[in-house]
C-alpha atoms as a PDB file:
ATOM      1  CA  MET A   1     -16.711 -12.497   3.737  1.00  0.00           C
ATOM      2  CA  ALA A   2     -13.299 -12.810   1.982  1.00  0.00           C
ATOM      3  CA  LYS A   3     -11.025 -16.040   2.329  1.00  0.00           C
ATOM      4  CA  LYS A   4      -7.087 -15.722   3.157  1.00  0.00           C
ATOM      5  CA  ALA A   5      -4.602 -18.155   4.177  1.00  0.00           C
ATOM      6  CA  ILE A   6      -0.646 -16.752   4.794  1.00  0.00           C
ATOM      7  CA  TYR A   7       2.304 -18.936   5.434  1.00  0.00           C
ATOM      8  CA  ASN A   8       5.347 -17.070   7.214  1.00  0.00           C
ATOM      9  CA  LYS A   9       7.415 -19.728   4.878  1.00  0.00           C
ATOM     10  CA  SER A  10       9.433 -19.687   1.594  1.00  0.00           C
ATOM     11  CA  CYS A  11       6.916 -19.249  -1.399  1.00  0.00           C
ATOM     12  CA  LEU A  12       9.329 -21.958  -3.526  1.00  0.00           C
ATOM     13  CA  SER A  13       7.446 -24.719  -4.455  1.00  0.00           C
ATOM     14  CA  LEU A  14       3.516 -23.312  -3.050  1.00  0.00           C
ATOM     15  CA  GLU A  15       3.236 -26.536  -1.451  1.00  0.00           C
ATOM     16  CA  GLY A  16      -0.426 -27.507  -0.864  1.00  0.00           C
ATOM     17  CA  ILE A  17      -1.777 -25.241  -3.399  1.00  0.00           C
ATOM     18  CA  GLU A  18      -3.450 -27.729  -6.128  1.00  0.00           C
ATOM     19  CA  ASP A  19      -3.108 -27.187  -9.941  1.00  0.00           C
ATOM     20  CA  ASN A  20      -4.934 -25.231 -11.585  1.00  0.00           C
ATOM     21  CA  SER A  21      -6.665 -23.237  -8.845  1.00  0.00           C
ATOM     22  CA  ILE A  22      -5.950 -19.846  -8.557  1.00  0.00           C
ATOM     23  CA  ASP A  23      -7.739 -16.726  -9.898  1.00  0.00           C
ATOM     24  CA  ALA A  24      -4.631 -14.179 -10.374  1.00  0.00           C
ATOM     25  CA  LEU A  25      -0.696 -13.338  -9.732  1.00  0.00           C
ATOM     26  CA  ILE A  26      -0.016  -9.348  -7.447  1.00  0.00           C
ATOM     27  CA  THR A  27       4.151  -9.997  -6.081  1.00  0.00           C
ATOM     28  CA  ASP A  28       6.267  -7.590  -5.306  1.00  0.00           C
ATOM     29  CA  PRO A  29       9.225  -9.808  -5.700  1.00  0.00           C
ATOM     30  CA  PRO A  30      12.688  -8.571  -4.610  1.00  0.00           C
ATOM     31  CA  TYR A  31      14.571  -7.069  -6.956  1.00  0.00           C
ATOM     32  CA  GLY A  32      18.073  -8.392  -6.806  1.00  0.00           C
ATOM     33  CA  ILE A  33      19.424  -4.718  -6.001  1.00  0.00           C
ATOM     34  CA  SER A  34      20.155  -4.750  -2.562  1.00  0.00           C
ATOM     35  CA  VAL A  35      18.047  -2.057  -1.635  1.00  0.00           C
ATOM     36  CA  PHE A  36      18.528  -0.596   1.927  1.00  0.00           C
ATOM     37  CA  ASN A  37      21.083  -2.697   2.234  1.00  0.00           C
ATOM     38  CA  GLU A  38      18.187  -5.265   2.833  1.00  0.00           C
ATOM     39  CA  THR A  39      19.592  -8.997   2.966  1.00  0.00           C
ATOM     40  CA  TRP A  40      16.720 -10.560   1.716  1.00  0.00           C
ATOM     41  CA  ASP A  41      17.205  -8.198  -1.337  1.00  0.00           C
ATOM     42  CA  LYS A  42      20.724  -9.369  -2.224  1.00  0.00           C
ATOM     43  CA  PRO A  43      22.149 -11.700  -5.090  1.00  0.00           C
ATOM     44  CA  LYS A  44      24.104 -14.669  -3.659  1.00  0.00           C
ATOM     45  CA  ASP A  45      25.090 -17.372  -6.024  1.00  0.00           C
ATOM     46  CA  GLN A  46      21.913 -17.117  -7.978  1.00  0.00           C
ATOM     47  CA  ASP A  47      19.391 -14.698  -9.062  1.00  0.00           C
ATOM     48  CA  VAL A  48      16.479 -12.433  -6.834  1.00  0.00           C
ATOM     49  CA  PRO A  49      13.774 -13.832  -6.933  1.00  0.00           C
ATOM     50  CA  ASN A  50      14.513 -17.702  -7.587  1.00  0.00           C
ATOM     51  CA  PRO A  51      13.073 -17.886 -11.856  1.00  0.00           C
ATOM     52  CA  GLN A  52      11.853 -21.087 -10.242  1.00  0.00           C
ATOM     53  CA  ILE A  53       8.904 -18.999  -8.695  1.00  0.00           C
ATOM     54  CA  TRP A  54       7.803 -18.481 -11.546  1.00  0.00           C
ATOM     55  CA  ALA A  55       7.613 -22.008 -12.617  1.00  0.00           C
ATOM     56  CA  ASP A  56       5.044 -22.809  -9.437  1.00  0.00           C
ATOM     57  CA  CYS A  57       3.155 -19.799 -10.134  1.00  0.00           C
ATOM     58  CA  LEU A  58       2.287 -21.018 -13.583  1.00  0.00           C
ATOM     59  CA  ARG A  59       1.641 -24.287 -12.150  1.00  0.00           C
ATOM     60  CA  VAL A  60      -0.966 -23.266  -9.544  1.00  0.00           C
ATOM     61  CA  LEU A  61      -2.254 -20.604 -12.016  1.00  0.00           C
ATOM     62  CA  LYS A  62      -5.315 -21.219 -13.588  1.00  0.00           C
ATOM     63  CA  PRO A  63      -5.267 -21.117 -17.562  1.00  0.00           C
ATOM     64  CA  GLY A  64      -5.831 -17.793 -18.927  1.00  0.00           C
ATOM     65  CA  ALA A  65      -5.386 -16.675 -15.393  1.00  0.00           C
ATOM     66  CA  PHE A  66      -3.474 -13.291 -15.626  1.00  0.00           C
ATOM     67  CA  GLY A  67      -0.113 -11.786 -13.539  1.00  0.00           C
ATOM     68  CA  LEU A  68       1.419  -8.037 -12.234  1.00  0.00           C
ATOM     69  CA  VAL A  69       4.645  -8.760 -11.006  1.00  0.00           C
ATOM     70  CA  PHE A  70       6.731  -6.003  -9.773  1.00  0.00           C
ATOM     71  CA  SER A  71      10.052  -5.127 -10.743  1.00  0.00           C
ATOM     72  CA  PHE A  72      13.029  -2.286 -11.134  1.00  0.00           C
ATOM     73  CA  PRO A  73      14.424  -1.568 -14.383  1.00  0.00           C
ATOM     74  CA  ARG A  74      17.461  -2.585 -14.326  1.00  0.00           C
ATOM     75  CA  VAL A  75      16.761  -5.532 -13.664  1.00  0.00           C
ATOM     76  CA  MET A  76      13.382  -5.947 -15.266  1.00  0.00           C
ATOM     77  CA  HIS A  77      14.288  -7.306 -18.284  1.00  0.00           C
ATOM     78  CA  ARG A  78      15.460 -10.717 -16.803  1.00  0.00           C
ATOM     79  CA  VAL A  79      12.363 -11.200 -14.809  1.00  0.00           C
ATOM     80  CA  MET A  80      10.687 -10.633 -17.276  1.00  0.00           C
ATOM     81  CA  CYS A  81      12.853 -13.345 -19.409  1.00  0.00           C
ATOM     82  CA  HIS A  82      12.903 -15.867 -16.401  1.00  0.00           C
ATOM     83  CA  LEU A  83       8.547 -15.281 -16.367  1.00  0.00           C
ATOM     84  CA  GLU A  84       8.899 -15.942 -20.568  1.00  0.00           C
ATOM     85  CA  ASP A  85      11.187 -18.288 -20.275  1.00  0.00           C
ATOM     86  CA  LYS A  86       8.716 -20.167 -16.885  1.00  0.00           C
ATOM     87  CA  GLY A  87       6.071 -20.177 -19.765  1.00  0.00           C
ATOM     88  CA  PHE A  88       4.127 -16.598 -19.090  1.00  0.00           C
ATOM     89  CA  ILE A  89       3.234 -14.490 -22.231  1.00  0.00           C
ATOM     90  CA  ILE A  90       4.495 -11.009 -21.463  1.00  0.00           C
ATOM     91  CA  LYS A  91       1.595  -8.804 -22.131  1.00  0.00           C
ATOM     92  CA  ASP A  92       1.973  -5.402 -21.516  1.00  0.00           C
ATOM     93  CA  VAL A  93       4.562  -3.424 -18.785  1.00  0.00           C
ATOM     94  CA  PHE A  94       2.848  -1.488 -16.964  1.00  0.00           C
ATOM     95  CA  PHE A  95       4.396   2.058 -15.832  1.00  0.00           C
ATOM     96  CA  TRP A  96       3.932   3.449 -12.168  1.00  0.00           C
ATOM     97  CA  VAL A  97       4.841   6.602 -11.980  1.00  0.00           C
ATOM     98  CA  TYR A  98       5.344   9.400  -9.374  1.00  0.00           C
ATOM     99  CA  PHE A  99       6.647  12.942  -8.972  1.00  0.00           C
ATOM    100  CA  ASN A 100       8.745  12.128  -6.063  1.00  0.00           C
ATOM    101  CA  GLY A 101      11.239   9.368  -6.506  1.00  0.00           C
ATOM    102  CA  MET A 102      14.723   9.816  -4.438  1.00  0.00           C
ATOM    103  CA  PRO A 103      18.082  10.741  -6.274  1.00  0.00           C
ATOM    104  CA  LYS A 104      19.762   7.728  -5.982  1.00  0.00           C
ATOM    105  CA  THR A 105      23.308   8.824  -6.684  1.00  0.00           C
ATOM    106  CA  ARG A 106      25.857  11.274  -5.620  1.00  0.00           C
ATOM    107  CA  ASN A 107      27.605  14.291  -5.670  1.00  0.00           C
ATOM    108  CA  VAL A 108      30.865  12.910  -7.858  1.00  0.00           C
ATOM    109  CA  GLY A 109      32.770  16.518  -6.719  1.00  0.00           C
ATOM    110  CA  LEU A 110      33.132  16.054  -3.070  1.00  0.00           C
ATOM    111  CA  GLU A 111      33.916  12.004  -4.067  1.00  0.00           C
ATOM    112  CA  ILE A 112      37.055  13.512  -5.934  1.00  0.00           C
ATOM    113  CA  ASP A 113      37.656  15.441  -3.074  1.00  0.00           C
ATOM    114  CA  LYS A 114      37.397  12.517  -1.096  1.00  0.00           C
ATOM    115  CA  ALA A 115      39.783  10.418  -2.700  1.00  0.00           C
ATOM    116  CA  LEU A 116      42.402  12.921  -3.583  1.00  0.00           C
ATOM    117  CA  GLY A 117      42.432  13.458   0.205  1.00  0.00           C
ATOM    118  CA  ILE A 118      40.759  16.758   0.097  1.00  0.00           C
ATOM    119  CA  GLU A 119      38.291  18.426   2.659  1.00  0.00           C
ATOM    120  CA  SER A 120      35.730  19.752   1.150  1.00  0.00           C
ATOM    121  CA  GLU A 121      34.412  23.127   1.787  1.00  0.00           C
ATOM    122  CA  THR A 122      31.934  23.640   4.588  1.00  0.00           C
ATOM    123  CA  ILE A 123      29.415  26.232   2.841  1.00  0.00           C
ATOM    124  CA  GLY A 124      26.189  25.918   5.665  1.00  0.00           C
ATOM    125  CA  HIS A 125      23.822  23.608   7.815  1.00  0.00           C
ATOM    126  CA  TYR A 126      20.320  22.422   7.159  1.00  0.00           C
ATOM    127  CA  LYS A 127      18.155  20.618   8.710  1.00  0.00           C
ATOM    128  CA  TYR A 128      17.785  16.200   8.019  1.00  0.00           C
ATOM    129  CA  SER A 129      14.300  14.696   7.343  1.00  0.00           C
ATOM    130  CA  GLN A 130      13.023  10.810   6.675  1.00  0.00           C
ATOM    131  CA  GLY A 131      10.094   9.733   7.365  1.00  0.00           C
ATOM    132  CA  TYR A 132       6.789  11.136   9.011  1.00  0.00           C
ATOM    133  CA  ILE A 133       4.358  10.395  11.593  1.00  0.00           C
ATOM    134  CA  LYS A 134       0.246  11.514  12.267  1.00  0.00           C
ATOM    135  CA  ASN A 135      -0.039  13.171  15.155  1.00  0.00           C
ATOM    136  CA  GLY A 136      -2.699  14.998  13.802  1.00  0.00           C
ATOM    137  CA  ALA A 137      -1.653  17.069  11.542  1.00  0.00           C
ATOM    138  CA  ASP A 138       1.658  15.558   9.477  1.00  0.00           C
ATOM    139  CA  SER A 139       4.841  16.028   9.960  1.00  0.00           C
ATOM    140  CA  TYR A 140       8.320  15.246   9.227  1.00  0.00           C
ATOM    141  CA  LYS A 141      10.905  12.985  11.697  1.00  0.00           C
ATOM    142  CA  VAL A 142      13.368  15.956  11.767  1.00  0.00           C
ATOM    143  CA  LYS A 143      16.569  13.222  12.333  1.00  0.00           C
ATOM    144  CA  THR A 144      20.030  15.238  11.986  1.00  0.00           C
ATOM    145  CA  GLU A 145      21.577  18.653  10.742  1.00  0.00           C
ATOM    146  CA  LYS A 146      23.973  17.965   8.269  1.00  0.00           C
ATOM    147  CA  ALA A 147      26.080  20.516   6.486  1.00  0.00           C
ATOM    148  CA  ILE A 148      26.284  22.124   3.422  1.00  0.00           C
ATOM    149  CA  LEU A 149      29.345  20.617   0.970  1.00  0.00           C
ATOM    150  CA  GLN A 150      31.202  22.039  -1.599  1.00  0.00           C
ATOM    151  CA  PRO A 151      34.320  20.550  -3.458  1.00  0.00           C
ATOM    152  CA  ALA A 152      37.834  22.467  -2.857  1.00  0.00           C
ATOM    153  CA  SER A 153      39.373  20.894  -5.386  1.00  0.00           C
ATOM    154  CA  ASP A 154      40.365  21.942  -9.000  1.00  0.00           C
ATOM    155  CA  LEU A 155      38.922  18.640 -10.890  1.00  0.00           C
ATOM    156  CA  GLY A 156      36.204  19.372  -7.445  1.00  0.00           C
ATOM    157  CA  LYS A 157      35.106  21.774  -8.630  1.00  0.00           C
ATOM    158  CA  LYS A 158      35.399  20.957 -12.213  1.00  0.00           C
ATOM    159  CA  TYR A 159      31.904  17.760 -11.581  1.00  0.00           C
ATOM    160  CA  ASP A 160      30.418  19.464  -9.016  1.00  0.00           C
ATOM    161  CA  GLY A 161      26.844  18.162  -8.711  1.00  0.00           C
ATOM    162  CA  ALA A 162      27.886  15.826 -11.358  1.00  0.00           C
ATOM    163  CA  GLY A 163      25.945  12.013 -11.115  1.00  0.00           C
ATOM    164  CA  ILE A 164      25.813   8.912 -11.998  1.00  0.00           C
ATOM    165  CA  ASN A 165      22.015   8.435 -12.087  1.00  0.00           C
ATOM    166  CA  VAL A 166      19.457  10.621 -13.144  1.00  0.00           C
ATOM    167  CA  LYS A 167      16.182  11.153 -10.360  1.00  0.00           C
ATOM    168  CA  PRO A 168      13.850   7.462 -10.783  1.00  0.00           C
ATOM    169  CA  PHE A 169      10.324   8.646 -12.280  1.00  0.00           C
ATOM    170  CA  TYR A 170       8.303   5.463 -12.154  1.00  0.00           C
ATOM    171  CA  GLU A 171       8.707   1.864 -10.942  1.00  0.00           C
ATOM    172  CA  PRO A 172       7.013  -0.271 -13.853  1.00  0.00           C
ATOM    173  CA  ILE A 173       4.735  -3.425 -13.319  1.00  0.00           C
ATOM    174  CA  ILE A 174       4.811  -6.348 -15.628  1.00  0.00           C
ATOM    175  CA  LEU A 175       1.402  -7.882 -17.044  1.00  0.00           C
ATOM    176  CA  ILE A 176       1.209 -11.394 -17.493  1.00  0.00           C
ATOM    177  CA  GLN A 177      -0.948 -14.531 -18.873  1.00  0.00           C
ATOM    178  CA  LYS A 178      -1.057 -18.073 -18.596  1.00  0.00           C
ATOM    179  CA  ARG A 179      -1.646 -19.468 -21.909  1.00  0.00           C
ATOM    180  CA  PRO A 180      -5.762 -19.518 -22.401  1.00  0.00           C
ATOM    181  CA  GLU A 181      -7.273 -22.325 -23.515  1.00  0.00           C
ATOM    182  CA  GLY A 182      -8.818 -22.120 -26.264  1.00  0.00           C
ATOM    183  CA  ASN A 183     -10.611 -18.779 -26.990  1.00  0.00           C
ATOM    184  CA  THR A 184     -10.702 -16.503 -25.143  1.00  0.00           C
ATOM    185  CA  VAL A 185     -14.757 -17.284 -24.651  1.00  0.00           C
ATOM    186  CA  GLN A 186     -13.708 -21.059 -23.927  1.00  0.00           C
ATOM    187  CA  ASN A 187     -11.437 -20.599 -21.464  1.00  0.00           C
ATOM    188  CA  ILE A 188     -13.226 -17.870 -19.381  1.00  0.00           C
ATOM    189  CA  SER A 189     -16.059 -20.539 -19.501  1.00  0.00           C
ATOM    190  CA  THR A 190     -14.224 -23.245 -18.163  1.00  0.00           C
ATOM    191  CA  TYR A 191     -12.060 -21.193 -15.788  1.00  0.00           C
ATOM    192  CA  GLY A 192     -13.377 -17.639 -15.319  1.00  0.00           C
ATOM    193  CA  THR A 193     -10.217 -16.140 -16.438  1.00  0.00           C
ATOM    194  CA  GLY A 194      -8.640 -15.057 -19.420  1.00  0.00           C
ATOM    195  CA  VAL A 195     -10.035 -11.547 -19.645  1.00  0.00           C
ATOM    196  CA  LEU A 196      -9.149  -8.179 -17.811  1.00  0.00           C
ATOM    197  CA  ASN A 197     -12.275  -6.586 -15.597  1.00  0.00           C
ATOM    198  CA  LEU A 198     -12.117  -3.201 -17.565  1.00  0.00           C
ATOM    199  CA  GLU A 199     -15.621  -1.842 -16.233  1.00  0.00           C
ATOM    200  CA  ASP A 200     -14.922  -2.195 -12.568  1.00  0.00           C
ATOM    201  CA  THR A 201     -11.358   0.026 -12.944  1.00  0.00           C
ATOM    202  CA  ARG A 202     -12.554   3.129 -15.164  1.00  0.00           C
ATOM    203  CA  ILE A 203     -11.251   5.681 -14.676  1.00  0.00           C
ATOM    204  CA  PRO A 204     -14.141   8.759 -14.343  1.00  0.00           C
ATOM    205  CA  TYR A 205     -14.646  11.643 -15.325  1.00  0.00           C
ATOM    206  CA  ALA A 206     -13.765  15.056 -14.241  1.00  0.00           C
ATOM    207  CA  GLN A 207     -16.155  16.923 -12.283  1.00  0.00           C
ATOM    208  CA  GLY A 208     -18.202  19.067 -15.501  1.00  0.00           C
ATOM    209  CA  GLU A 209     -15.908  17.213 -17.884  1.00  0.00           C
ATOM    210  CA  THR A 210     -17.381  16.684 -21.098  1.00  0.00           C
ATOM    211  CA  LYS A 211     -17.997  13.372 -22.197  1.00  0.00           C
ATOM    212  CA  VAL A 212     -15.920  12.294 -25.328  1.00  0.00           C
ATOM    213  CA  GLY A 213     -15.697  10.317 -28.190  1.00  0.00           C
ATOM    214  CA  HIS A 214     -18.321   8.991 -30.267  1.00  0.00           C
ATOM    215  CA  ASN A 215     -19.801   6.681 -27.508  1.00  0.00           C
ATOM    216  CA  PRO A 216     -18.147   7.557 -24.428  1.00  0.00           C
ATOM    217  CA  HIS A 217     -19.143   4.864 -21.626  1.00  0.00           C
ATOM    218  CA  PRO A 218     -21.310   7.018 -18.720  1.00  0.00           C
ATOM    219  CA  LYS A 219     -18.397   4.732 -16.310  1.00  0.00           C
ATOM    220  CA  GLY A 220     -15.640   6.840 -17.491  1.00  0.00           C
ATOM    221  CA  ARG A 221     -12.456   5.810 -19.788  1.00  0.00           C
ATOM    222  CA  VAL A 222     -10.866   2.312 -20.044  1.00  0.00           C
ATOM    223  CA  ALA A 223      -8.000   2.288 -17.215  1.00  0.00           C
ATOM    224  CA  GLY A 224      -4.102   2.283 -18.689  1.00  0.00           C
ATOM    225  CA  ASN A 225      -0.671   0.891 -18.793  1.00  0.00           C
ATOM    226  CA  ILE A 226       0.431   4.254 -16.571  1.00  0.00           C
ATOM    227  CA  ILE A 227      -0.517   4.690 -12.799  1.00  0.00           C
ATOM    228  CA  ALA A 228       0.460   8.227 -11.355  1.00  0.00           C
ATOM    229  CA  ALA A 229       0.967   8.227  -7.809  1.00  0.00           C
ATOM    230  CA  ASP A 230       0.791  11.774  -6.535  1.00  0.00           C
ATOM    231  CA  SER A 231       2.080  13.121  -3.716  1.00  0.00           C
ATOM    232  CA  PHE A 232      -0.897  15.400  -2.139  1.00  0.00           C
ATOM    233  CA  GLU A 233      -3.539  13.694   0.599  1.00  0.00           C
ATOM    234  CA  HIS A 234      -6.765  12.690  -0.496  1.00  0.00           C
ATOM    235  CA  GLN A 235      -9.711  14.069   1.323  1.00  0.00           C
ATOM    236  CA  SER A 236     -12.419  11.617   0.447  1.00  0.00           C
ATOM    237  CA  ASP A 237     -12.075   7.860  -0.723  1.00  0.00           C
ATOM    238  CA  LYS A 238     -12.140   8.503  -4.384  1.00  0.00           C
ATOM    239  CA  TYR A 239      -9.621   8.377  -7.606  1.00  0.00           C
ATOM    240  CA  PHE A 240      -9.167  12.559  -7.608  1.00  0.00           C
ATOM    241  CA  GLU A 241      -9.644  14.878  -5.078  1.00  0.00           C
ATOM    242  CA  ILE A 242      -6.004  17.120  -4.964  1.00  0.00           C
ATOM    243  CA  GLN A 243      -4.233  17.957  -9.122  1.00  0.00           C
ATOM    244  CA  PRO A 244      -2.269  20.439  -9.587  1.00  0.00           C
ATOM    245  CA  SER A 245      -3.546  22.425 -12.431  1.00  0.00           C
ATOM    246  CA  GLU A 246      -0.536  21.950 -14.920  1.00  0.00           C
ATOM    247  CA  TYR A 247      -1.321  18.177 -15.045  1.00  0.00           C
ATOM    248  CA  GLN A 248      -5.372  17.972 -14.605  1.00  0.00           C
ATOM    249  CA  GLU A 249      -5.412  16.507 -18.115  1.00  0.00           C
ATOM    250  CA  LEU A 250      -3.026  13.784 -17.835  1.00  0.00           C
ATOM    251  CA  TYR A 251      -4.201  13.128 -14.107  1.00  0.00           C
ATOM    252  CA  ASP A 252      -8.262  12.833 -15.331  1.00  0.00           C
ATOM    253  CA  LYS A 253      -7.243   9.919 -17.918  1.00  0.00           C
ATOM    254  CA  MET A 254      -5.306   7.811 -15.161  1.00  0.00           C
ATOM    255  CA  PHE A 255      -5.306   5.943 -12.692  1.00  0.00           C
ATOM    256  CA  VAL A 256      -3.933   8.401  -9.296  1.00  0.00           C
ATOM    257  CA  GLU A 257      -2.786   7.244  -5.770  1.00  0.00           C
ATOM    258  CA  GLN A 258       0.225   8.694  -3.623  1.00  0.00           C
ATOM    259  CA  LYS A 259       2.982   6.542  -2.259  1.00  0.00           C
ATOM    260  CA  VAL A 260       2.782   5.403   1.108  1.00  0.00           C
ATOM    261  CA  ARG A 261       5.467   8.012   3.342  1.00  0.00           C
ATOM    262  CA  GLN A 262       8.109   5.913   4.665  1.00  0.00           C
ATOM    263  CA  ASN A 263       7.757   5.769   8.479  1.00  0.00           C
ATOM    264  CA  ALA A 264       3.815   6.575   7.999  1.00  0.00           C
ATOM    265  CA  ASP A 265       2.867   4.604  11.186  1.00  0.00           C
ATOM    266  CA  ASN A 266       4.157   2.798  14.186  1.00  0.00           C
ATOM    267  CA  TYR A 267       4.603  -0.656  13.066  1.00  0.00           C
ATOM    268  CA  ASN A 268       5.238  -1.173   9.581  1.00  0.00           C
ATOM    269  CA  THR A 269       8.314  -0.574   8.814  1.00  0.00           C
ATOM    270  CA  HIS A 270       8.691  -2.556   5.591  1.00  0.00           C
ATOM    271  CA  PRO A 271      10.853  -0.247   3.432  1.00  0.00           C
ATOM    272  CA  THR A 272       9.484  -0.921   0.067  1.00  0.00           C
ATOM    273  CA  LYS A 273       5.341  -1.223   0.748  1.00  0.00           C
ATOM    274  CA  LYS A 274       3.075  -0.074  -1.894  1.00  0.00           C
ATOM    275  CA  PRO A 275      -0.161   1.789  -1.189  1.00  0.00           C
ATOM    276  CA  VAL A 276      -2.746  -0.025  -0.628  1.00  0.00           C
ATOM    277  CA  ARG A 277      -4.860   2.084  -2.866  1.00  0.00           C
ATOM    278  CA  LEU A 278      -2.809   1.084  -5.458  1.00  0.00           C
ATOM    279  CA  MET A 279      -3.179  -2.913  -4.953  1.00  0.00           C
ATOM    280  CA  GLU A 280      -7.293  -2.584  -4.835  1.00  0.00           C
ATOM    281  CA  HIS A 281      -7.014  -0.988  -8.416  1.00  0.00           C
ATOM    282  CA  LEU A 282      -4.606  -4.058  -9.824  1.00  0.00           C
ATOM    283  CA  VAL A 283      -6.930  -6.422  -8.074  1.00  0.00           C
ATOM    284  CA  LYS A 284     -10.078  -5.119  -9.335  1.00  0.00           C
ATOM    285  CA  LEU A 285      -8.382  -5.280 -12.871  1.00  0.00           C
ATOM    286  CA  LEU A 286      -7.355  -8.771 -13.045  1.00  0.00           C
ATOM    287  CA  SER A 287     -10.206 -10.288 -10.787  1.00  0.00           C
ATOM    288  CA  TRP A 288     -13.456 -10.155  -9.954  1.00  0.00           C
ATOM    289  CA  GLU A 289     -15.695 -11.189  -6.345  1.00  0.00           C
ATOM    290  CA  GLU A 290     -14.527 -14.067  -4.642  1.00  0.00           C
ATOM    291  CA  GLN A 291     -12.048 -15.150  -7.017  1.00  0.00           C
ATOM    292  CA  THR A 292      -8.382 -15.989  -5.267  1.00  0.00           C
ATOM    293  CA  ILE A 293      -5.047 -13.786  -5.728  1.00  0.00           C
ATOM    294  CA  LEU A 294      -1.569 -14.800  -4.321  1.00  0.00           C
ATOM    295  CA  ASP A 295       0.771 -13.333  -3.383  1.00  0.00           C
ATOM    296  CA  PRO A 296       4.495 -15.490  -2.934  1.00  0.00           C
ATOM    297  CA  PHE A 297       5.969 -12.505  -1.622  1.00  0.00           C
ATOM    298  CA  MET A 298       3.679 -10.623   0.725  1.00  0.00           C
ATOM    299  CA  GLY A 299       5.360  -8.332   2.247  1.00  0.00           C
ATOM    300  CA  SER A 300       3.876  -6.242   4.684  1.00  0.00           C
ATOM    301  CA  GLY A 301       0.109  -7.460   3.064  1.00  0.00           C
ATOM    302  CA  SER A 302      -0.482  -4.501   1.623  1.00  0.00           C
ATOM    303  CA  THR A 303      -2.251  -6.631  -1.706  1.00  0.00           C
ATOM    304  CA  GLY A 304      -3.332  -8.448   1.233  1.00  0.00           C
ATOM    305  CA  VAL A 305      -5.484  -5.973   2.543  1.00  0.00           C
ATOM    306  CA  ALA A 306      -6.873  -4.756  -0.598  1.00  0.00           C
ATOM    307  CA  CYS A 307      -8.180  -8.597  -1.053  1.00  0.00           C
ATOM    308  CA  ILE A 308     -10.103  -7.998   1.289  1.00  0.00           C
ATOM    309  CA  HIS A 309     -11.587  -5.159   0.970  1.00  0.00           C
ATOM    310  CA  GLN A 310     -12.371  -5.365  -2.751  1.00  0.00           C
ATOM    311  CA  LYS A 311     -13.908  -9.290  -1.768  1.00  0.00           C
ATOM    312  CA  ARG A 312     -11.123 -11.240  -3.000  1.00  0.00           C
ATOM    313  CA  ASN A 313     -10.009 -14.477  -1.543  1.00  0.00           C
ATOM    314  CA  PHE A 314      -5.675 -14.050  -0.653  1.00  0.00           C
ATOM    315  CA  ILE A 315      -2.667 -16.799  -0.030  1.00  0.00           C
ATOM    316  CA  GLY A 316       0.101 -15.322   0.444  1.00  0.00           C
ATOM    317  CA  TYR A 317       3.426 -16.225   1.318  1.00  0.00           C
ATOM    318  CA  GLU A 318       6.298 -14.216   3.226  1.00  0.00           C
ATOM    319  CA  LEU A 319       9.931 -15.494   4.943  1.00  0.00           C
ATOM    320  CA  GLU A 320      10.496 -12.496   7.058  1.00  0.00           C
ATOM    321  CA  LYS A 321       9.158 -13.090  10.289  1.00  0.00           C
ATOM    322  CA  PRO A 322       8.492  -9.215  10.747  1.00  0.00           C
ATOM    323  CA  PHE A 323       7.220  -8.524   7.762  1.00  0.00           C
ATOM    324  CA  PHE A 324       4.540 -11.606   8.041  1.00  0.00           C
ATOM    325  CA  GLU A 325       3.666 -10.504  11.825  1.00  0.00           C
ATOM    326  CA  ILE A 326       3.019  -7.082   9.990  1.00  0.00           C
ATOM    327  CA  ALA A 327       1.245  -8.374   7.470  1.00  0.00           C
ATOM    328  CA  GLU A 328      -0.700 -10.513  10.083  1.00  0.00           C
ATOM    329  CA  LYS A 329      -1.794  -8.044  11.922  1.00  0.00           C
ATOM    330  CA  ARG A 330      -2.594  -5.916   9.135  1.00  0.00           C
ATOM    331  CA  LEU A 331      -5.643  -8.413   7.372  1.00  0.00           C
ATOM    332  CA  ILE A 332      -6.406  -8.922  11.333  1.00  0.00           C
ATOM    333  CA  ASP A 333      -7.097  -4.897  11.290  1.00  0.00           C
ATOM    334  CA  ALA A 334      -9.082  -5.189   7.552  1.00  0.00           C
ATOM    335  CA  ASP A 335     -10.683  -8.270   8.688  1.00  0.00           C
ATOM    336  CA  ALA A 336     -12.017  -6.382  11.143  1.00  0.00           C
ATOM    337  CA  HIS A 337     -13.063  -2.954  10.387  1.00  0.00           C
ATOM    338  CA  LYS A 338     -13.711  -4.150   6.558  1.00  0.00           C
ATOM    339  CA  LYS A 339     -12.295  -1.226   4.594  1.00  0.00           C
ATOM    340  CA  THR A 340     -10.208   1.458   6.742  1.00  0.00           C
ATOM    341  CA  GLN A 341      -9.662   4.506   5.301  1.00  0.00           C
ATOM    342  CA  ILE A 342      -5.706   4.981   6.005  1.00  0.00           C
ATOM    343  CA  ASP A 343      -3.069   2.672   3.888  1.00  0.00           C
ATOM    344  CA  PHE A 344       0.144   1.897   6.018  1.00  0.00           C
END
């Protein structure tokens, strides 16, 4: 049975974890962009997260161990510099691509009206909905009714629909490695780390697909550094199910997992939760059964749940008590049920 140890405290120093004892690192740290105006994500006098944590992670990881660090496009370069400065090798950047990102912008034409003190014109109304609930059939929570506005000023009309950002379609995941000792064979012989588990993360061929290549592998293709997120419900515990036909070839060559809808259950209120099946894929890629995964920014515990599902040991830290309690409950549930079919 997978072992787990979780702590409701800061991850700085990783006190109690021995040097060279952890097999892999998988974490989704704060980005320092004030996501949803959360206090834990606001930069203060230093970078978010504190770069010291990467030095602490380097200390406890075994030589050759890999890590995956989620990030955000406009701060990714700083995180990568911090990781490299503390001694990690930057190996790659995965792109978790999704088709239902939320535009992070606003209508500049309406902003112009507001600045000029001119009331924008109301041309209709719509129901604003956010989040969803499971009540036998998936349904959205209707929050309120909002007015559809259009600019009234001449300058506002000129810039009607203009914005300050394009719609985001991906989230970067930085692949790092602690420098191995000796060559690959010597390192894995001593520490059991230094290689990626490509066999357990192969992408199955599509049903009826003719295997391609001079020596096709019976398990499918090697997983790549692009991970796709669809917006369709999975009908079984498989990688691929309902897919839009125009993306069929693309999907057949990737690991595919949908994003987690906000408020998908009654108690996980974490604003940036990741799908458990996505985390399972990453856990399997970086480790083997009975190895230990560290997550210094545990959040609501998706990495820990994935570790339990995939028979990995887990160590997690979460400073915010409400999120820690959510993670604690989820890990208890995962232990009790061994393999849940629901991603919270």
